[in-house]
PDB file of N, CA and C in Angstrom:
ATOM      1  N   MET A   1      36.849 220.683  14.562  1.00  0.00           N
ATOM      2  CA  MET A   1      36.263 221.655  13.658  1.00  0.00           C
ATOM      3  C   MET A   1      36.300 223.047  14.271  1.00  0.00           C
ATOM      4  N   LYS A   2      36.002 223.152  15.558  1.00  0.00           N
ATOM      5  CA  LYS A   2      36.052 224.458  16.202  1.00  0.00           C
ATOM      6  C   LYS A   2      37.455 225.035  16.104  1.00  0.00           C
ATOM      7  N   PHE A   3      38.455 224.172  16.293  1.00  0.00           N
ATOM      8  CA  PHE A   3      39.836 224.627  16.196  1.00  0.00           C
ATOM      9  C   PHE A   3      40.121 225.157  14.799  1.00  0.00           C
ATOM     10  N   THR A   4      39.600 224.493  13.774  1.00  0.00           N
ATOM     11  CA  THR A   4      39.821 224.930  12.401  1.00  0.00           C
ATOM     12  C   THR A   4      39.251 226.322  12.186  1.00  0.00           C
ATOM     13  N   ILE A   5      38.051 226.567  12.688  1.00  0.00           N
ATOM     14  CA  ILE A   5      37.430 227.879  12.525  1.00  0.00           C
ATOM     15  C   ILE A   5      38.243 228.936  13.262  1.00  0.00           C
ATOM     16  N   VAL A   6      38.684 228.631  14.467  1.00  0.00           N
ATOM     17  CA  VAL A   6      39.491 229.586  15.222  1.00  0.00           C
ATOM     18  C   VAL A   6      40.816 229.831  14.511  1.00  0.00           C
ATOM     19  N   ALA A   7      41.425 228.770  13.999  1.00  0.00           N
ATOM     20  CA  ALA A   7      42.691 228.910  13.275  1.00  0.00           C
ATOM     21  C   ALA A   7      42.523 229.788  12.040  1.00  0.00           C
ATOM     22  N   VAL A   8      41.430 229.596  11.324  1.00  0.00           N
ATOM     23  CA  VAL A   8      41.163 230.433  10.152  1.00  0.00           C
ATOM     24  C   VAL A   8      41.001 231.887  10.583  1.00  0.00           C
ATOM     25  N   GLY A   9      40.260 232.096  11.658  1.00  0.00           N
ATOM     26  CA  GLY A   9      40.105 233.452  12.167  1.00  0.00           C
ATOM     27  C   GLY A   9      41.443 234.065  12.551  1.00  0.00           C
ATOM     28  N   PHE A  10      42.293 233.270  13.167  1.00  0.00           N
ATOM     29  CA  PHE A  10      43.631 233.692  13.552  1.00  0.00           C
ATOM     30  C   PHE A  10      44.395 234.176  12.332  1.00  0.00           C
ATOM     31  N   LEU A  11      44.352 233.387  11.270  1.00  0.00           N
ATOM     32  CA  LEU A  11      45.066 233.740  10.048  1.00  0.00           C
ATOM     33  C   LEU A  11      44.484 234.979   9.380  1.00  0.00           C
ATOM     34  N   ILE A  12      43.167 235.103   9.398  1.00  0.00           N
ATOM     35  CA  ILE A  12      42.522 236.277   8.797  1.00  0.00           C
ATOM     36  C   ILE A  12      42.962 237.542   9.516  1.00  0.00           C
ATOM     37  N   ILE A  13      42.939 237.499  10.838  1.00  0.00           N
ATOM     38  CA  ILE A  13      43.314 238.691  11.598  1.00  0.00           C
ATOM     39  C   ILE A  13      44.792 239.005  11.409  1.00  0.00           C
ATOM     40  N   LEU A  14      45.635 237.986  11.429  1.00  0.00           N
ATOM     41  CA  LEU A  14      47.059 238.228  11.225  1.00  0.00           C
ATOM     42  C   LEU A  14      47.315 238.861   9.865  1.00  0.00           C
ATOM     43  N   SER A  15      46.667 238.353   8.844  1.00  0.00           N
ATOM     44  CA  SER A  15      46.890 238.900   7.509  1.00  0.00           C
ATOM     45  C   SER A  15      46.326 240.308   7.402  1.00  0.00           C
ATOM     46  N   ALA A  16      45.217 240.583   8.073  1.00  0.00           N
ATOM     47  CA  ALA A  16      44.648 241.930   8.054  1.00  0.00           C
ATOM     48  C   ALA A  16      45.588 242.913   8.740  1.00  0.00           C
ATOM     49  N   GLN A  17      46.263 242.476   9.786  1.00  0.00           N
ATOM     50  CA  GLN A  17      47.199 243.336  10.493  1.00  0.00           C
ATOM     51  C   GLN A  17      48.392 243.706   9.611  1.00  0.00           C
ATOM     52  N   LEU A  18      48.739 242.840   8.707  1.00  0.00           N
ATOM     53  CA  LEU A  18      49.901 243.086   7.861  1.00  0.00           C
ATOM     54  C   LEU A  18      49.626 244.115   6.778  1.00  0.00           C
ATOM     55  N   GLY A  19      48.362 244.229   6.382  1.00  0.00           N
ATOM     56  CA  GLY A  19      48.032 245.078   5.242  1.00  0.00           C
ATOM     57  C   GLY A  19      48.492 244.367   3.981  1.00  0.00           C
ATOM     58  N   SER A  20      48.048 244.815   2.840  1.00  0.00           N
ATOM     59  CA  SER A  20      48.497 244.132   1.638  1.00  0.00           C
ATOM     60  C   SER A  20      48.530 245.065   0.451  1.00  0.00           C
ATOM     61  N   ALA A  21      49.502 244.814  -0.386  1.00  0.00           N
ATOM     62  CA  ALA A  21      49.583 245.512  -1.662  1.00  0.00           C
ATOM     63  C   ALA A  21      49.155 244.562  -2.755  1.00  0.00           C
ATOM     64  N   GLY A  22      48.791 243.364  -2.385  1.00  0.00           N
ATOM     65  CA  GLY A  22      48.371 242.352  -3.334  1.00  0.00           C
ATOM     66  C   GLY A  22      48.410 240.995  -2.681  1.00  0.00           C
ATOM     67  N   ALA A  23      47.812 240.023  -3.336  1.00  0.00           N
ATOM     68  CA  ALA A  23      47.708 238.679  -2.762  1.00  0.00           C
ATOM     69  C   ALA A  23      49.074 238.044  -2.529  1.00  0.00           C
ATOM     70  N   ILE A  24      49.996 238.236  -3.442  1.00  0.00           N
ATOM     71  CA  ILE A  24      51.322 237.624  -3.293  1.00  0.00           C
ATOM     72  C   ILE A  24      52.046 238.228  -2.099  1.00  0.00           C
ATOM     73  N   ASP A  25      52.025 239.561  -1.992  1.00  0.00           N
ATOM     74  CA  ASP A  25      52.667 240.217  -0.853  1.00  0.00           C
ATOM     75  C   ASP A  25      52.028 239.790   0.460  1.00  0.00           C
ATOM     76  N   GLU A  26      50.697 239.695   0.471  1.00  0.00           N
ATOM     77  CA  GLU A  26      49.987 239.294   1.686  1.00  0.00           C
ATOM     78  C   GLU A  26      50.398 237.888   2.104  1.00  0.00           C
ATOM     79  N   THR A  27      50.481 236.985   1.163  1.00  0.00           N
ATOM     80  CA  THR A  27      50.886 235.608   1.467  1.00  0.00           C
ATOM     81  C   THR A  27      52.313 235.572   1.990  1.00  0.00           C
ATOM     82  N   GLN A  28      53.192 236.323   1.364  1.00  0.00           N
ATOM     83  CA  GLN A  28      54.584 236.357   1.819  1.00  0.00           C
ATOM     84  C   GLN A  28      54.685 236.949   3.220  1.00  0.00           C
ATOM     85  N   ASN A  29      53.943 238.034   3.458  1.00  0.00           N
ATOM     86  CA  ASN A  29      53.958 238.651   4.785  1.00  0.00           C
ATOM     87  C   ASN A  29      53.377 237.722   5.845  1.00  0.00           C
ATOM     88  N   LEU A  30      52.295 237.027   5.500  1.00  0.00           N
ATOM     89  CA  LEU A  30      51.690 236.094   6.449  1.00  0.00           C
ATOM     90  C   LEU A  30      52.653 234.961   6.766  1.00  0.00           C
ATOM     91  N   ASN A  31      53.290 234.419   5.739  1.00  0.00           N
ATOM     92  CA  ASN A  31      54.269 233.352   5.971  1.00  0.00           C
ATOM     93  C   ASN A  31      55.404 233.832   6.866  1.00  0.00           C
ATOM     94  N   LYS A  32      55.857 235.057   6.622  1.00  0.00           N
ATOM     95  CA  LYS A  32      56.933 235.628   7.436  1.00  0.00           C
ATOM     96  C   LYS A  32      56.477 235.762   8.893  1.00  0.00           C
ATOM     97  N   LEU A  33      55.279 236.259   9.087  1.00  0.00           N
ATOM     98  CA  LEU A  33      54.741 236.425  10.434  1.00  0.00           C
ATOM     99  C   LEU A  33      54.574 235.080  11.132  1.00  0.00           C
ATOM    100  N   LEU A  34      54.020 234.105  10.421  1.00  0.00           N
ATOM    101  CA  LEU A  34      53.799 232.787  11.023  1.00  0.00           C
ATOM    102  C   LEU A  34      55.116 232.077  11.345  1.00  0.00           C
ATOM    103  N   ASN A  35      56.180 232.462  10.679  1.00  0.00           N
ATOM    104  CA  ASN A  35      57.492 231.888  10.973  1.00  0.00           C
ATOM    105  C   ASN A  35      58.200 232.618  12.112  1.00  0.00           C
ATOM    106  N   ASN A  36      57.578 233.675  12.626  1.00  0.00           N
ATOM    107  CA  ASN A  36      58.137 234.413  13.754  1.00  0.00           C
ATOM    108  C   ASN A  36      57.587 233.793  15.037  1.00  0.00           C
ATOM    109  N   GLN A  37      58.372 232.917  15.623  1.00  0.00           N
ATOM    110  CA  GLN A  37      57.926 232.161  16.786  1.00  0.00           C
ATOM    111  C   GLN A  37      57.566 233.056  17.963  1.00  0.00           C
ATOM    112  N   VAL A  38      58.241 234.176  18.116  1.00  0.00           N
ATOM    113  CA  VAL A  38      57.965 235.079  19.231  1.00  0.00           C
ATOM    114  C   VAL A  38      56.547 235.655  19.102  1.00  0.00           C
ATOM    115  N   ILE A  39      56.196 236.134  17.910  1.00  0.00           N
ATOM    116  CA  ILE A  39      54.867 236.716  17.700  1.00  0.00           C
ATOM    117  C   ILE A  39      53.782 235.662  17.856  1.00  0.00           C
ATOM    118  N   VAL A  40      53.974 234.510  17.231  1.00  0.00           N
ATOM    119  CA  VAL A  40      52.973 233.445  17.308  1.00  0.00           C
ATOM    120  C   VAL A  40      52.805 232.983  18.751  1.00  0.00           C
ATOM    121  N   SER A  41      53.905 232.772  19.448  1.00  0.00           N
ATOM    122  CA  SER A  41      53.828 232.320  20.846  1.00  0.00           C
ATOM    123  C   SER A  41      53.119 233.345  21.720  1.00  0.00           C
ATOM    124  N   ARG A  42      53.414 234.626  21.501  1.00  0.00           N
ATOM    125  CA  ARG A  42      52.779 235.688  22.287  1.00  0.00           C
ATOM    126  C   ARG A  42      51.268 235.659  22.094  1.00  0.00           C
ATOM    127  N   GLN A  43      50.830 235.483  20.853  1.00  0.00           N
ATOM    128  CA  GLN A  43      49.396 235.483  20.581  1.00  0.00           C
ATOM    129  C   GLN A  43      48.721 234.231  21.153  1.00  0.00           C
ATOM    130  N   ILE A  44      49.377 233.099  21.062  1.00  0.00           N
ATOM    131  CA  ILE A  44      48.823 231.863  21.616  1.00  0.00           C
ATOM    132  C   ILE A  44      48.676 231.993  23.133  1.00  0.00           C
ATOM    133  N   MET A  45      49.707 232.504  23.786  1.00  0.00           N
ATOM    134  CA  MET A  45      49.654 232.656  25.241  1.00  0.00           C
ATOM    135  C   MET A  45      48.564 233.643  25.643  1.00  0.00           C
ATOM    136  N   CYS A  46      48.357 234.663  24.851  1.00  0.00           N
ATOM    137  CA  CYS A  46      47.286 235.631  25.119  1.00  0.00           C
ATOM    138  C   CYS A  46      45.923 234.954  25.027  1.00  0.00           C
ATOM    139  N   VAL A  47      45.703 234.230  23.937  1.00  0.00           N
ATOM    140  CA  VAL A  47      44.413 233.569  23.729  1.00  0.00           C
ATOM    141  C   VAL A  47      44.141 232.558  24.835  1.00  0.00           C
ATOM    142  N   LEU A  48      45.189 231.960  25.365  1.00  0.00           N
ATOM    143  CA  LEU A  48      45.046 230.995  26.456  1.00  0.00           C
ATOM    144  C   LEU A  48      44.998 231.669  27.832  1.00  0.00           C
ATOM    145  N   ASP A  49      44.973 232.998  27.858  1.00  0.00           N
ATOM    146  CA  ASP A  49      44.943 233.774  29.105  1.00  0.00           C
ATOM    147  C   ASP A  49      46.154 233.523  29.988  1.00  0.00           C
ATOM    148  N   LYS A  50      47.301 233.288  29.372  1.00  0.00           N
ATOM    149  CA  LYS A  50      48.541 233.054  30.125  1.00  0.00           C
ATOM    150  C   LYS A  50      49.379 234.323  30.244  1.00  0.00           C
ATOM    151  N   THR A  51      49.188 235.273  29.327  1.00  0.00           N
ATOM    152  CA  THR A  51      49.898 236.544  29.357  1.00  0.00           C
ATOM    153  C   THR A  51      48.937 237.651  28.934  1.00  0.00           C
ATOM    154  N   PRO A  52      49.290 238.899  29.260  1.00  0.00           N
ATOM    155  CA  PRO A  52      48.453 240.010  28.786  1.00  0.00           C
ATOM    156  C   PRO A  52      48.437 240.056  27.256  1.00  0.00           C
ATOM    157  N   CYS A  53      47.364 240.584  26.724  1.00  0.00           N
ATOM    158  CA  CYS A  53      47.204 240.647  25.273  1.00  0.00           C
ATOM    159  C   CYS A  53      47.599 242.012  24.731  1.00  0.00           C
ATOM    160  N   ASP A  54      48.206 241.988  23.563  1.00  0.00           N
ATOM    161  CA  ASP A  54      48.389 243.222  22.818  1.00  0.00           C
ATOM    162  C   ASP A  54      47.156 243.397  21.927  1.00  0.00           C
ATOM    163  N   LYS A  55      47.184 244.384  21.049  1.00  0.00           N
ATOM    164  CA  LYS A  55      46.027 244.661  20.195  1.00  0.00           C
ATOM    165  C   LYS A  55      45.662 243.447  19.338  1.00  0.00           C
ATOM    166  N   LEU A  56      46.666 242.810  18.759  1.00  0.00           N
ATOM    167  CA  LEU A  56      46.420 241.643  17.915  1.00  0.00           C
ATOM    168  C   LEU A  56      45.821 240.503  18.731  1.00  0.00           C
ATOM    169  N   GLY A  57      46.360 240.263  19.911  1.00  0.00           N
ATOM    170  CA  GLY A  57      45.839 239.198  20.766  1.00  0.00           C
ATOM    171  C   GLY A  57      44.394 239.428  21.165  1.00  0.00           C
ATOM    172  N   THR A  58      44.066 240.684  21.462  1.00  0.00           N
ATOM    173  CA  THR A  58      42.682 241.024  21.811  1.00  0.00           C
ATOM    174  C   THR A  58      41.751 240.728  20.645  1.00  0.00           C
ATOM    175  N   GLN A  59      42.182 241.075  19.433  1.00  0.00           N
ATOM    176  CA  GLN A  59      41.373 240.783  18.247  1.00  0.00           C
ATOM    177  C   GLN A  59      41.226 239.277  18.036  1.00  0.00           C
ATOM    178  N   LEU A  60      42.273 238.533  18.291  1.00  0.00           N
ATOM    179  CA  LEU A  60      42.199 237.071  18.148  1.00  0.00           C
ATOM    180  C   LEU A  60      41.195 236.474  19.129  1.00  0.00           C
ATOM    181  N   LYS A  61      41.200 236.971  20.362  1.00  0.00           N
ATOM    182  CA  LYS A  61      40.245 236.469  21.355  1.00  0.00           C
ATOM    183  C   LYS A  61      38.813 236.779  20.931  1.00  0.00           C
ATOM    184  N   GLN A  62      38.600 237.974  20.386  1.00  0.00           N
ATOM    185  CA  GLN A  62      37.261 238.328  19.899  1.00  0.00           C
ATOM    186  C   GLN A  62      36.858 237.435  18.732  1.00  0.00           C
ATOM    187  N   GLN A  63      37.812 237.157  17.852  1.00  0.00           N
ATOM    188  CA  GLN A  63      37.533 236.276  16.707  1.00  0.00           C
ATOM    189  C   GLN A  63      37.197 234.869  17.191  1.00  0.00           C
ATOM    190  N   ALA A  64      37.896 234.400  18.217  1.00  0.00           N
ATOM    191  CA  ALA A  64      37.611 233.072  18.758  1.00  0.00           C
ATOM    192  C   ALA A  64      36.202 233.030  19.339  1.00  0.00           C
ATOM    193  N   ALA A  65      35.815 234.082  20.035  1.00  0.00           N
ATOM    194  CA  ALA A  65      34.454 234.143  20.592  1.00  0.00           C
ATOM    195  C   ALA A  65      33.419 234.151  19.468  1.00  0.00           C
ATOM    196  N   ASN A  66      33.697 234.897  18.408  1.00  0.00           N
ATOM    197  CA  ASN A  66      32.782 234.921  17.259  1.00  0.00           C
ATOM    198  C   ASN A  66      32.704 233.562  16.580  1.00  0.00           C
ATOM    199  N   ALA A  67      33.834 232.878  16.482  1.00  0.00           N
ATOM    200  CA  ALA A  67      33.843 231.541  15.874  1.00  0.00           C
ATOM    201  C   ALA A  67      32.997 230.578  16.700  1.00  0.00           C
ATOM    202  N   GLN A  68      33.089 230.674  18.026  1.00  0.00           N
ATOM    203  CA  GLN A  68      32.289 229.814  18.884  1.00  0.00           C
ATOM    204  C   GLN A  68      30.801 230.094  18.708  1.00  0.00           C
ATOM    205  N   LYS A  69      30.447 231.371  18.573  1.00  0.00           N
ATOM    206  CA  LYS A  69      29.042 231.729  18.333  1.00  0.00           C
ATOM    207  C   LYS A  69      28.562 231.167  17.001  1.00  0.00           C
ATOM    208  N   LEU A  70      29.405 231.276  15.979  1.00  0.00           N
ATOM    209  CA  LEU A  70      29.049 230.770  14.652  1.00  0.00           C
ATOM    210  C   LEU A  70      28.848 229.256  14.673  1.00  0.00           C
ATOM    211  N   VAL A  71      29.751 228.549  15.325  1.00  0.00           N
ATOM    212  CA  VAL A  71      29.633 227.096  15.423  1.00  0.00           C
ATOM    213  C   VAL A  71      28.338 226.713  16.127  1.00  0.00           C
ATOM    214  N   SER A  72      28.066 227.347  17.247  1.00  0.00           N
ATOM    215  CA  SER A  72      26.846 227.049  18.002  1.00  0.00           C
ATOM    216  C   SER A  72      25.596 227.346  17.167  1.00  0.00           C
ATOM    217  N   PHE A  73      25.601 228.484  16.475  1.00  0.00           N
ATOM    218  CA  PHE A  73      24.476 228.874  15.628  1.00  0.00           C
ATOM    219  C   PHE A  73      24.237 227.836  14.530  1.00  0.00           C
ATOM    220  N   LEU A  74      25.293 227.448  13.838  1.00  0.00           N
ATOM    221  CA  LEU A  74      25.145 226.471  12.754  1.00  0.00           C
ATOM    222  C   LEU A  74      24.687 225.112  13.278  1.00  0.00           C
ATOM    223  N   GLN A  75      25.259 224.686  14.387  1.00  0.00           N
ATOM    224  CA  GLN A  75      24.873 223.394  14.952  1.00  0.00           C
ATOM    225  C   GLN A  75      23.408 223.383  15.363  1.00  0.00           C
ATOM    226  N   THR A  76      22.923 224.500  15.901  1.00  0.00           N
ATOM    227  CA  THR A  76      21.553 224.575  16.393  1.00  0.00           C
ATOM    228  C   THR A  76      20.541 224.808  15.279  1.00  0.00           C
ATOM    229  N   ARG A  77      20.799 225.786  14.440  1.00  0.00           N
ATOM    230  CA  ARG A  77      19.816 226.198  13.435  1.00  0.00           C
ATOM    231  C   ARG A  77      19.957 225.501  12.096  1.00  0.00           C
ATOM    232  N   TYR A  78      21.160 225.085  11.764  1.00  0.00           N
ATOM    233  CA  TYR A  78      21.417 224.466  10.464  1.00  0.00           C
ATOM    234  C   TYR A  78      22.264 223.199  10.621  1.00  0.00           C
ATOM    235  N   PRO A  79      21.745 222.210  11.324  1.00  0.00           N
ATOM    236  CA  PRO A  79      22.539 221.016  11.587  1.00  0.00           C
ATOM    237  C   PRO A  79      22.977 220.293  10.305  1.00  0.00           C
ATOM    238  N   ASP A  80      22.158 220.347   9.249  1.00  0.00           N
ATOM    239  CA  ASP A  80      22.547 219.698   7.995  1.00  0.00           C
ATOM    240  C   ASP A  80      23.752 220.399   7.363  1.00  0.00           C
ATOM    241  N   VAL A  81      23.739 221.723   7.403  1.00  0.00           N
ATOM    242  CA  VAL A  81      24.864 222.485   6.871  1.00  0.00           C
ATOM    243  C   VAL A  81      26.105 222.214   7.718  1.00  0.00           C
ATOM    244  N   TRP A  82      25.927 222.184   9.031  1.00  0.00           N
ATOM    245  CA  TRP A  82      27.050 221.894   9.921  1.00  0.00           C
ATOM    246  C   TRP A  82      27.646 220.526   9.597  1.00  0.00           C
ATOM    247  N   ALA A  83      26.794 219.532   9.397  1.00  0.00           N
ATOM    248  CA  ALA A  83      27.274 218.188   9.068  1.00  0.00           C
ATOM    249  C   ALA A  83      28.052 218.196   7.758  1.00  0.00           C
ATOM    250  N   MET A  84      27.582 218.960   6.774  1.00  0.00           N
ATOM    251  CA  MET A  84      28.304 219.046   5.494  1.00  0.00           C
ATOM    252  C   MET A  84      29.675 219.692   5.685  1.00  0.00           C
ATOM    253  N   LEU A  85      29.739 220.737   6.502  1.00  0.00           N
ATOM    254  CA  LEU A  85      31.016 221.396   6.754  1.00  0.00           C
ATOM    255  C   LEU A  85      31.992 220.461   7.468  1.00  0.00           C
ATOM    256  N   VAL A  86      31.486 219.719   8.429  1.00  0.00           N
ATOM    257  CA  VAL A  86      32.339 218.776   9.153  1.00  0.00           C
ATOM    258  C   VAL A  86      32.887 217.730   8.195  1.00  0.00           C
ATOM    259  N   ARG A  87      32.015 217.185   7.341  1.00  0.00           N
ATOM    260  CA  ARG A  87      32.468 216.188   6.366  1.00  0.00           C
ATOM    261  C   ARG A  87      33.499 216.774   5.401  1.00  0.00           C
ATOM    262  N   LYS A  88      33.240 217.993   4.958  1.00  0.00           N
ATOM    263  CA  LYS A  88      34.143 218.627   3.983  1.00  0.00           C
ATOM    264  C   LYS A  88      35.529 218.868   4.580  1.00  0.00           C
ATOM    265  N   TYR A  89      35.583 219.341   5.812  1.00  0.00           N
ATOM    266  CA  TYR A  89      36.859 219.743   6.394  1.00  0.00           C
ATOM    267  C   TYR A  89      37.480 218.733   7.343  1.00  0.00           C
ATOM    268  N   LYS A  90      36.792 217.633   7.574  1.00  0.00           N
ATOM    269  CA  LYS A  90      37.341 216.602   8.434  1.00  0.00           C
ATOM    270  C   LYS A  90      38.591 216.031   7.766  1.00  0.00           C
ATOM    271  N   GLY A  91      39.682 216.110   8.469  1.00  0.00           N
ATOM    272  CA  GLY A  91      40.932 215.587   7.933  1.00  0.00           C
ATOM    273  C   GLY A  91      41.580 216.493   6.910  1.00  0.00           C
ATOM    274  N   ALA A  92      41.026 217.691   6.719  1.00  0.00           N
ATOM    275  CA  ALA A  92      41.640 218.621   5.768  1.00  0.00           C
ATOM    276  C   ALA A  92      42.967 219.093   6.327  1.00  0.00           C
ATOM    277  N   PRO A  93      43.940 219.273   5.453  1.00  0.00           N
ATOM    278  CA  PRO A  93      45.249 219.749   5.941  1.00  0.00           C
ATOM    279  C   PRO A  93      45.109 221.132   6.558  1.00  0.00           C
ATOM    280  N   SER A  94      45.877 221.361   7.610  1.00  0.00           N
ATOM    281  CA  SER A  94      45.799 222.665   8.279  1.00  0.00           C
ATOM    282  C   SER A  94      46.876 223.595   7.815  1.00  0.00           C
TER     283      SER A  94
END
């Protein structure tokens, strides 16, 4: 589940970096970016602290930290909501 939240954050930041003229353009741009193995690999290596980060990588690391805070907060303060989210997204396609 934590990975799912981080992955969603990753996609949100990537799509925000692309800018958008509309939902269709944003989806096409995101798909194009995600199919660029060099960009994706660079960001993954940054998040794993294997290479220096560019601006996008730095934002991804911050998003991952925020996702971890959110998960911890929900698990501690709203365990019932957390359980519902886990059930809803368990086995959901990525």
